[in-house]
């Protein structure tokens, strides 16, 4: 069951949203707005956040901006601030969608379902192992939780990391990697793998993951 967290300071709206979503059904929590919301979201890792802008203390825009530095949790702003500039500001701060109050329940549910579907597709196009995220659609590698740094990979670098992540925890021989990288080639110099591996390790170090790929002497590589 997908998990939605509601961050809303109006108790009546909070309970209304909670009741609506639980009837779908989603698993729902609606913490009090004076909770450490960023820490709670970091700990709970919901599938989606419904986030108001006008909150006591830290406002919703700040919460979204801070989350985006370390998390890809989808965020839909549900707010009474309903101008086009409000919507633009929410999206620029990292929101995935914007729904103005008063909202139509059917429209809100449709927006939630659309964001969750899109997120599921994105996850299908990514591999994650030991906090490193390989985005196959964009050809990038990043830390799942970190400072947001990412870097683009070449075709061979992406294929090497993909193959290692598909065999995560296991030793992959150089021969298997060469066969996967250059299938049907007549002859490939073994040094080509070493060059690509060195470059890939440099990319991983750039995003804060040095030593991610281990060399198992005489056997191959392992993550």
C-alpha atoms as a PDB file:
ATOM      1  CA  UNK A   1       0.000   0.000   0.000  1.00  0.00           C
ATOM      2  CA  UNK A   2       1.403   3.390  -0.975  1.00  0.00           C
ATOM      3  CA  UNK A   3       2.209   5.763   1.847  1.00  0.00           C
ATOM      4  CA  UNK A   4       1.234   9.451   1.803  1.00  0.00           C
ATOM      5  CA  UNK A   5       2.223  12.032   4.402  1.00  0.00           C
ATOM      6  CA  UNK A   6       0.034  15.146   4.833  1.00  0.00           C
ATOM      7  CA  UNK A   7       1.681  18.320   6.093  1.00  0.00           C
ATOM      8  CA  UNK A   8      -1.148  20.753   6.760  1.00  0.00           C
ATOM      9  CA  UNK A   9      -1.669  23.184   9.651  1.00  0.00           C
ATOM     10  CA  UNK A  10      -5.479  23.402   9.491  1.00  0.00           C
ATOM     11  CA  UNK A  11      -6.829  20.507  11.633  1.00  0.00           C
ATOM     12  CA  UNK A  12     -10.127  20.305   9.720  1.00  0.00           C
ATOM     13  CA  UNK A  13      -8.441  20.124   6.301  1.00  0.00           C
ATOM     14  CA  UNK A  14      -5.865  17.690   7.656  1.00  0.00           C
ATOM     15  CA  UNK A  15      -8.565  15.279   8.837  1.00  0.00           C
ATOM     16  CA  UNK A  16     -10.571  15.752   5.626  1.00  0.00           C
ATOM     17  CA  UNK A  17      -7.546  14.847   3.497  1.00  0.00           C
ATOM     18  CA  UNK A  18      -6.663  11.915   5.724  1.00  0.00           C
ATOM     19  CA  UNK A  19     -10.180  10.499   5.494  1.00  0.00           C
ATOM     20  CA  UNK A  20     -10.289  10.997   1.703  1.00  0.00           C
ATOM     21  CA  UNK A  21      -6.976   9.231   1.109  1.00  0.00           C
ATOM     22  CA  UNK A  22      -7.598   6.366   3.512  1.00  0.00           C
ATOM     23  CA  UNK A  23     -10.777   5.612   1.570  1.00  0.00           C
ATOM     24  CA  UNK A  24      -8.837   4.957  -1.659  1.00  0.00           C
ATOM     25  CA  UNK A  25      -7.017   3.285   0.190  1.00  0.00           C
ATOM     26  CA  UNK A  26      -3.584   4.761   0.884  1.00  0.00           C
ATOM     27  CA  UNK A  27      -1.622   4.469   4.092  1.00  0.00           C
ATOM     28  CA  UNK A  28      -1.706   7.982   5.549  1.00  0.00           C
ATOM     29  CA  UNK A  29      -0.065   9.956   8.325  1.00  0.00           C
ATOM     30  CA  UNK A  30      -0.847  13.571   9.193  1.00  0.00           C
ATOM     31  CA  UNK A  31       1.675  14.848  11.753  1.00  0.00           C
ATOM     32  CA  UNK A  32       1.169  18.028  13.739  1.00  0.00           C
ATOM     33  CA  UNK A  33       2.848  20.936  11.939  1.00  0.00           C
ATOM     34  CA  UNK A  34       5.065  21.758  14.924  1.00  0.00           C
ATOM     35  CA  UNK A  35       6.854  18.400  14.451  1.00  0.00           C
ATOM     36  CA  UNK A  36      10.338  18.375  12.926  1.00  0.00           C
ATOM     37  CA  UNK A  37       8.789  17.687   9.528  1.00  0.00           C
ATOM     38  CA  UNK A  38      11.995  17.403   7.534  1.00  0.00           C
ATOM     39  CA  UNK A  39      13.459  14.855   9.925  1.00  0.00           C
ATOM     40  CA  UNK A  40      10.163  12.964   9.991  1.00  0.00           C
ATOM     41  CA  UNK A  41       9.995  12.791   6.178  1.00  0.00           C
ATOM     42  CA  UNK A  42      13.643  11.690   6.075  1.00  0.00           C
ATOM     43  CA  UNK A  43      12.915   8.912   8.560  1.00  0.00           C
ATOM     44  CA  UNK A  44       9.542   7.755   7.207  1.00  0.00           C
ATOM     45  CA  UNK A  45      10.332   8.019   3.465  1.00  0.00           C
ATOM     46  CA  UNK A  46       6.694   8.317   2.299  1.00  0.00           C
ATOM     47  CA  UNK A  47       5.808   7.660  -1.328  1.00  0.00           C
ATOM     48  CA  UNK A  48       4.384  11.181  -1.587  1.00  0.00           C
ATOM     49  CA  UNK A  49       4.026  14.379   0.441  1.00  0.00           C
ATOM     50  CA  UNK A  50       0.974  16.636   0.369  1.00  0.00           C
ATOM     51  CA  UNK A  51       2.425  19.932   1.510  1.00  0.00           C
ATOM     52  CA  UNK A  52       0.842  23.244   2.475  1.00  0.00           C
ATOM     53  CA  UNK A  53       2.837  26.459   2.048  1.00  0.00           C
ATOM     54  CA  UNK A  54       1.567  28.424   5.040  1.00  0.00           C
ATOM     55  CA  UNK A  55       2.871  26.514   8.052  1.00  0.00           C
ATOM     56  CA  UNK A  56       3.904  27.746  11.495  1.00  0.00           C
ATOM     57  CA  UNK A  57       7.656  28.043  11.741  1.00  0.00           C
ATOM     58  CA  UNK A  58       9.291  26.688   8.586  1.00  0.00           C
ATOM     59  CA  UNK A  59       7.054  27.242   5.539  1.00  0.00           C
ATOM     60  CA  UNK A  60       6.301  24.583   2.943  1.00  0.00           C
ATOM     61  CA  UNK A  61       8.542  26.093   0.281  1.00  0.00           C
ATOM     62  CA  UNK A  62      11.555  25.899   2.588  1.00  0.00           C
ATOM     63  CA  UNK A  63      10.707  22.322   3.570  1.00  0.00           C
ATOM     64  CA  UNK A  64      10.520  21.295  -0.099  1.00  0.00           C
ATOM     65  CA  UNK A  65      13.801  23.054  -0.963  1.00  0.00           C
ATOM     66  CA  UNK A  66      15.627  21.359   1.905  1.00  0.00           C
ATOM     67  CA  UNK A  67      14.202  17.936   1.073  1.00  0.00           C
ATOM     68  CA  UNK A  68      15.256  18.283  -2.543  1.00  0.00           C
ATOM     69  CA  UNK A  69      18.895  18.498  -1.477  1.00  0.00           C
ATOM     70  CA  UNK A  70      18.777  14.894  -0.288  1.00  0.00           C
ATOM     71  CA  UNK A  71      15.553  13.215  -1.404  1.00  0.00           C
ATOM     72  CA  UNK A  72      13.401  12.533  -4.453  1.00  0.00           C
ATOM     73  CA  UNK A  73      10.168  12.112  -2.456  1.00  0.00           C
ATOM     74  CA  UNK A  74       7.376  13.459  -4.722  1.00  0.00           C
ATOM     75  CA  UNK A  75       5.721  16.630  -3.394  1.00  0.00           C
ATOM     76  CA  UNK A  76       2.306  18.029  -4.299  1.00  0.00           C
ATOM     77  CA  UNK A  77       1.595  21.459  -2.892  1.00  0.00           C
ATOM     78  CA  UNK A  78      -2.007  21.836  -1.685  1.00  0.00           C
ATOM     79  CA  UNK A  79      -2.426  25.470  -0.770  1.00  0.00           C
ATOM     80  CA  UNK A  80      -4.772  28.445  -0.627  1.00  0.00           C
ATOM     81  CA  UNK A  81      -2.136  30.543  -2.391  1.00  0.00           C
ATOM     82  CA  UNK A  82      -3.540  30.134  -5.869  1.00  0.00           C
ATOM     83  CA  UNK A  83      -1.919  32.683  -8.181  1.00  0.00           C
ATOM     84  CA  UNK A  84       0.161  31.671 -11.183  1.00  0.00           C
ATOM     85  CA  UNK A  85       3.252  33.043  -9.426  1.00  0.00           C
ATOM     86  CA  UNK A  86       2.530  30.873  -6.381  1.00  0.00           C
ATOM     87  CA  UNK A  87       2.301  27.829  -8.625  1.00  0.00           C
ATOM     88  CA  UNK A  88       5.515  28.730 -10.437  1.00  0.00           C
ATOM     89  CA  UNK A  89       7.340  29.271  -7.132  1.00  0.00           C
ATOM     90  CA  UNK A  90       6.215  25.868  -5.852  1.00  0.00           C
ATOM     91  CA  UNK A  91       7.441  24.116  -8.985  1.00  0.00           C
ATOM     92  CA  UNK A  92      10.752  25.987  -8.962  1.00  0.00           C
ATOM     93  CA  UNK A  93      11.331  24.915  -5.357  1.00  0.00           C
ATOM     94  CA  UNK A  94      11.062  21.275  -6.417  1.00  0.00           C
ATOM     95  CA  UNK A  95       7.344  20.510  -6.215  1.00  0.00           C
ATOM     96  CA  UNK A  96       5.971  17.881  -8.592  1.00  0.00           C
ATOM     97  CA  UNK A  97       2.478  19.369  -8.810  1.00  0.00           C
ATOM     98  CA  UNK A  98       0.289  22.148  -7.425  1.00  0.00           C
ATOM     99  CA  UNK A  99      -3.370  21.988  -6.347  1.00  0.00           C
ATOM    100  CA  UNK A 100      -5.158  25.120  -5.187  1.00  0.00           C
ATOM    101  CA  UNK A 101      -7.681  25.165  -2.339  1.00  0.00           C
ATOM    102  CA  UNK A 102     -10.576  24.709  -2.367  1.00  0.00           C
ATOM    103  CA  UNK A 103      -9.846  21.552  -4.324  1.00  0.00           C
ATOM    104  CA  UNK A 104     -12.154  19.049  -5.970  1.00  0.00           C
ATOM    105  CA  UNK A 105     -11.521  15.675  -4.274  1.00  0.00           C
ATOM    106  CA  UNK A 106     -11.667  13.776  -7.584  1.00  0.00           C
ATOM    107  CA  UNK A 107      -9.144  16.147  -9.177  1.00  0.00           C
ATOM    108  CA  UNK A 108      -6.787  15.899  -6.206  1.00  0.00           C
ATOM    109  CA  UNK A 109      -6.950  12.097  -6.245  1.00  0.00           C
ATOM    110  CA  UNK A 110      -6.259  12.072  -9.985  1.00  0.00           C
ATOM    111  CA  UNK A 111      -3.227  14.347  -9.512  1.00  0.00           C
ATOM    112  CA  UNK A 112      -1.907  12.119  -6.719  1.00  0.00           C
ATOM    113  CA  UNK A 113      -2.344   8.977  -8.838  1.00  0.00           C
ATOM    114  CA  UNK A 114      -0.585  10.620 -11.798  1.00  0.00           C
ATOM    115  CA  UNK A 115       2.447  11.645  -9.718  1.00  0.00           C
ATOM    116  CA  UNK A 116       2.685   8.196  -8.127  1.00  0.00           C
ATOM    117  CA  UNK A 117       2.508   6.527 -11.562  1.00  0.00           C
ATOM    118  CA  UNK A 118       5.226   8.793 -12.906  1.00  0.00           C
ATOM    119  CA  UNK A 119       7.404   8.108  -9.878  1.00  0.00           C
ATOM    120  CA  UNK A 120       6.934   4.353 -10.299  1.00  0.00           C
ATOM    121  CA  UNK A 121       8.040   4.595 -13.951  1.00  0.00           C
ATOM    122  CA  UNK A 122      11.125   6.581 -12.940  1.00  0.00           C
ATOM    123  CA  UNK A 123      12.013   3.982 -10.322  1.00  0.00           C
ATOM    124  CA  UNK A 124      11.712   1.267 -12.959  1.00  0.00           C
ATOM    125  CA  UNK A 125      14.280   3.192 -14.987  1.00  0.00           C
ATOM    126  CA  UNK A 126      16.753   3.375 -12.107  1.00  0.00           C
ATOM    127  CA  UNK A 127      18.877   1.013 -10.057  1.00  0.00           C
ATOM    128  CA  UNK A 128      19.938   1.744  -6.486  1.00  0.00           C
ATOM    129  CA  UNK A 129      22.592  -0.054  -4.454  1.00  0.00           C
ATOM    130  CA  UNK A 130      24.408   1.173  -1.340  1.00  0.00           C
ATOM    131  CA  UNK A 131      23.055   4.722  -1.729  1.00  0.00           C
ATOM    132  CA  UNK A 132      24.188   5.063  -5.379  1.00  0.00           C
ATOM    133  CA  UNK A 133      21.428   5.650  -7.921  1.00  0.00           C
ATOM    134  CA  UNK A 134      21.892   4.859 -11.608  1.00  0.00           C
ATOM    135  CA  UNK A 135      19.332   6.638 -13.780  1.00  0.00           C
ATOM    136  CA  UNK A 136      19.099   4.656 -16.994  1.00  0.00           C
ATOM    137  CA  UNK A 137      16.795   7.098 -18.756  1.00  0.00           C
ATOM    138  CA  UNK A 138      19.091  10.097 -18.201  1.00  0.00           C
ATOM    139  CA  UNK A 139      22.399   8.239 -18.198  1.00  0.00           C
ATOM    140  CA  UNK A 140      23.455   9.738 -14.877  1.00  0.00           C
ATOM    141  CA  UNK A 141      24.684   8.497 -11.522  1.00  0.00           C
ATOM    142  CA  UNK A 142      24.020  10.203  -8.194  1.00  0.00           C
ATOM    143  CA  UNK A 143      23.739   9.545  -4.483  1.00  0.00           C
ATOM    144  CA  UNK A 144      20.230   8.562  -3.374  1.00  0.00           C
ATOM    145  CA  UNK A 145      20.733  10.550  -0.182  1.00  0.00           C
ATOM    146  CA  UNK A 146      23.363  13.246  -0.241  1.00  0.00           C
ATOM    147  CA  UNK A 147      24.068  16.736  -1.520  1.00  0.00           C
ATOM    148  CA  UNK A 148      22.347  16.238  -4.867  1.00  0.00           C
ATOM    149  CA  UNK A 149      25.492  15.894  -6.980  1.00  0.00           C
ATOM    150  CA  UNK A 150      25.138  13.811 -10.129  1.00  0.00           C
ATOM    151  CA  UNK A 151      27.261  13.209 -13.188  1.00  0.00           C
ATOM    152  CA  UNK A 152      26.677  11.948 -16.704  1.00  0.00           C
ATOM    153  CA  UNK A 153      28.149   8.649 -17.796  1.00  0.00           C
ATOM    154  CA  UNK A 154      29.414   7.530 -21.159  1.00  0.00           C
ATOM    155  CA  UNK A 155      27.729   4.548 -22.806  1.00  0.00           C
ATOM    156  CA  UNK A 156      30.393   2.115 -21.624  1.00  0.00           C
ATOM    157  CA  UNK A 157      30.548   3.582 -18.111  1.00  0.00           C
ATOM    158  CA  UNK A 158      26.781   3.232 -17.811  1.00  0.00           C
ATOM    159  CA  UNK A 159      26.887  -0.364 -19.058  1.00  0.00           C
ATOM    160  CA  UNK A 160      29.641  -1.325 -16.618  1.00  0.00           C
ATOM    161  CA  UNK A 161      27.806   0.142 -13.632  1.00  0.00           C
ATOM    162  CA  UNK A 162      24.497  -1.352 -14.774  1.00  0.00           C
ATOM    163  CA  UNK A 163      26.031  -4.829 -15.060  1.00  0.00           C
ATOM    164  CA  UNK A 164      27.671  -4.563 -11.637  1.00  0.00           C
ATOM    165  CA  UNK A 165      24.442  -3.320 -10.023  1.00  0.00           C
ATOM    166  CA  UNK A 166      22.435  -6.130 -11.607  1.00  0.00           C
ATOM    167  CA  UNK A 167      24.916  -8.494  -9.941  1.00  0.00           C
ATOM    168  CA  UNK A 168      25.226  -6.469  -6.707  1.00  0.00           C
ATOM    169  CA  UNK A 169      27.023  -8.312  -3.924  1.00  0.00           C
ATOM    170  CA  UNK A 170      28.565 -10.816  -6.338  1.00  0.00           C
ATOM    171  CA  UNK A 171      31.995 -10.886  -7.932  1.00  0.00           C
ATOM    172  CA  UNK A 172      31.889 -10.104 -11.655  1.00  0.00           C
ATOM    173  CA  UNK A 173      34.847 -11.308 -13.690  1.00  0.00           C
ATOM    174  CA  UNK A 174      36.629  -9.108 -16.205  1.00  0.00           C
ATOM    175  CA  UNK A 175      35.780 -11.660 -18.879  1.00  0.00           C
ATOM    176  CA  UNK A 176      32.043 -11.400 -18.178  1.00  0.00           C
ATOM    177  CA  UNK A 177      32.220  -7.602 -18.282  1.00  0.00           C
ATOM    178  CA  UNK A 178      34.101  -7.628 -21.576  1.00  0.00           C
ATOM    179  CA  UNK A 179      31.598 -10.063 -23.102  1.00  0.00           C
ATOM    180  CA  UNK A 180      28.709  -7.838 -21.972  1.00  0.00           C
ATOM    181  CA  UNK A 181      30.289  -4.583 -23.115  1.00  0.00           C
ATOM    182  CA  UNK A 182      31.543  -5.670 -26.510  1.00  0.00           C
ATOM    183  CA  UNK A 183      29.352  -8.585 -27.481  1.00  0.00           C
ATOM    184  CA  UNK A 184      29.959  -9.812 -31.044  1.00  0.00           C
ATOM    185  CA  UNK A 185      33.186  -7.799 -31.432  1.00  0.00           C
ATOM    186  CA  UNK A 186      36.007  -9.818 -33.012  1.00  0.00           C
ATOM    187  CA  UNK A 187      38.751  -8.602 -30.659  1.00  0.00           C
ATOM    188  CA  UNK A 188      38.900  -6.131 -27.785  1.00  0.00           C
ATOM    189  CA  UNK A 189      42.062  -5.132 -25.954  1.00  0.00           C
ATOM    190  CA  UNK A 190      41.704  -5.971 -22.261  1.00  0.00           C
ATOM    191  CA  UNK A 191      43.132  -2.535 -21.517  1.00  0.00           C
ATOM    192  CA  UNK A 192      39.912  -0.915 -22.832  1.00  0.00           C
ATOM    193  CA  UNK A 193      38.031  -2.254 -19.810  1.00  0.00           C
ATOM    194  CA  UNK A 194      40.668  -0.875 -17.442  1.00  0.00           C
ATOM    195  CA  UNK A 195      40.409   2.570 -19.038  1.00  0.00           C
ATOM    196  CA  UNK A 196      36.606   2.630 -18.780  1.00  0.00           C
ATOM    197  CA  UNK A 197      36.699   1.324 -15.208  1.00  0.00           C
ATOM    198  CA  UNK A 198      39.159   4.043 -14.166  1.00  0.00           C
ATOM    199  CA  UNK A 199      36.908   6.718 -15.685  1.00  0.00           C
ATOM    200  CA  UNK A 200      33.816   5.269 -13.997  1.00  0.00           C
ATOM    201  CA  UNK A 201      35.548   5.226 -10.618  1.00  0.00           C
ATOM    202  CA  UNK A 202      36.451   8.862 -11.149  1.00  0.00           C
ATOM    203  CA  UNK A 203      32.787   9.710 -11.831  1.00  0.00           C
ATOM    204  CA  UNK A 204      31.747   7.919  -8.643  1.00  0.00           C
ATOM    205  CA  UNK A 205      34.387   9.745  -6.632  1.00  0.00           C
ATOM    206  CA  UNK A 206      33.108  13.055  -8.053  1.00  0.00           C
ATOM    207  CA  UNK A 207      29.646  12.456  -6.540  1.00  0.00           C
ATOM    208  CA  UNK A 208      31.035  11.348  -3.177  1.00  0.00           C
ATOM    209  CA  UNK A 209      31.214   7.562  -3.599  1.00  0.00           C
ATOM    210  CA  UNK A 210      34.938   6.689  -3.647  1.00  0.00           C
ATOM    211  CA  UNK A 211      35.731   3.010  -3.343  1.00  0.00           C
ATOM    212  CA  UNK A 212      32.240   2.003  -4.473  1.00  0.00           C
ATOM    213  CA  UNK A 213      33.665  -0.565  -6.907  1.00  0.00           C
ATOM    214  CA  UNK A 214      36.091  -2.984  -5.272  1.00  0.00           C
ATOM    215  CA  UNK A 215      38.758  -4.887  -7.171  1.00  0.00           C
ATOM    216  CA  UNK A 216      38.879  -8.529  -6.101  1.00  0.00           C
ATOM    217  CA  UNK A 217      42.401  -9.458  -7.117  1.00  0.00           C
ATOM    218  CA  UNK A 218      42.518 -12.336  -9.573  1.00  0.00           C
ATOM    219  CA  UNK A 219      38.704 -12.562  -9.577  1.00  0.00           C
ATOM    220  CA  UNK A 220      37.146  -9.334 -10.902  1.00  0.00           C
ATOM    221  CA  UNK A 221      35.014  -6.541  -9.445  1.00  0.00           C
ATOM    222  CA  UNK A 222      32.355  -6.267  -6.775  1.00  0.00           C
ATOM    223  CA  UNK A 223      30.015  -3.621  -5.400  1.00  0.00           C
END
